[in-house]
Amino acid sequence: MTLLCLLAAEPELRVGMPSPGAWLTPSEQARLQSLGTEARRDTFLAGRWLARRAVQRWLGSDEPPALEVASSGACRVAGRGDVFVSISHSAGTVACVAAGVPIGIDVESLARPRDHLALAETVHSPAQRAELAALPVEARAQVFLQAWTLKEAWLKAREQGLDFALMRALDFSDDPEGDVAVTTIGAVVLAVACNPKLPVRIEGPMNAVWRRCRARRAGE
C-alpha cells in the first residue's frame, strides 16, 4: 500500500483549470460561496483541484473523482470508502495526500515571520517549549513547525479540529513503522499522518527525505 503526496504552487494549479462550475460538487459549491474573500476562494479551488489529481493518480483512474465537503470540513471522496484524501495550504503552497486509510496533511511556510516561543505556549508541552527555547533563534522555526505540522496532520487524520489541550499532550518518537512523518522541502515543512499507521511507501514529492515517527500522548 502506498501514500501519495503532491505539492504545488497555487498559480501553477490555476493554469488550465476548468471553470469550477464544471467540476465542483454541490457541497463544494456551498463551501466556496461561504468564503468571504477572493483570495480564500482561490485557495479553496486550488486545493480541491490538486486533491482530484492526487486521488485520480492514486487510483490509476482515467477520470478525476467527485469530492465532497464533510460536516467536519474534511475532504472526502464521494461514494468511496476505500480511499481518503486531505488538503493543506500555506503562503501560496498547496499540499494534498491520498491513501487507503484515513489520512491528514499539514504544510507550513518557514519564511513566514512568527513568534515561535509565543505560539509554543499554546500548542507545545513544557518540555517541548524548553527544548525550543534552548535553540538558537534561527533554528527555532524548523523545529517548531516540524512538531506543529505533525500534530495538526495527526488531528486531521482523525477529522478533529484544533484541540490545543490535546496538541500540548502529543509528542513524537522516531519509529520506521509509525503513524506520522515529516519532511522539509525548500521553504516549507510538510507532515502526513495516517490512522492507524503510515503505508510502507510514501510517493512524492521528489527528493523528500521523510522522518517517520510515532505519536504518543503524555503519560503513555
Foldseek 3Di string as FASTA:
>chain_A
DEKEKDKDFLVVLPVPDPDCVVAADPQLVVVLVPDDDPVVSSVSVSFVSVQQVQVCVVVVHPDGFHWHQDPLRAIATPPDLQKEKGWEDEPRMIMMMMDRFQKFKYKYFLPDDDDLLVVCVQQAAPVLSVVLVPDDPSPNSVSSVQLVGQLRGACVSVSHDDDRVQRHFKDKDFDLFAFKKWWDDVGMIMMMGGVPHHDNYYHDDPPTDIGGIHMDGPPD
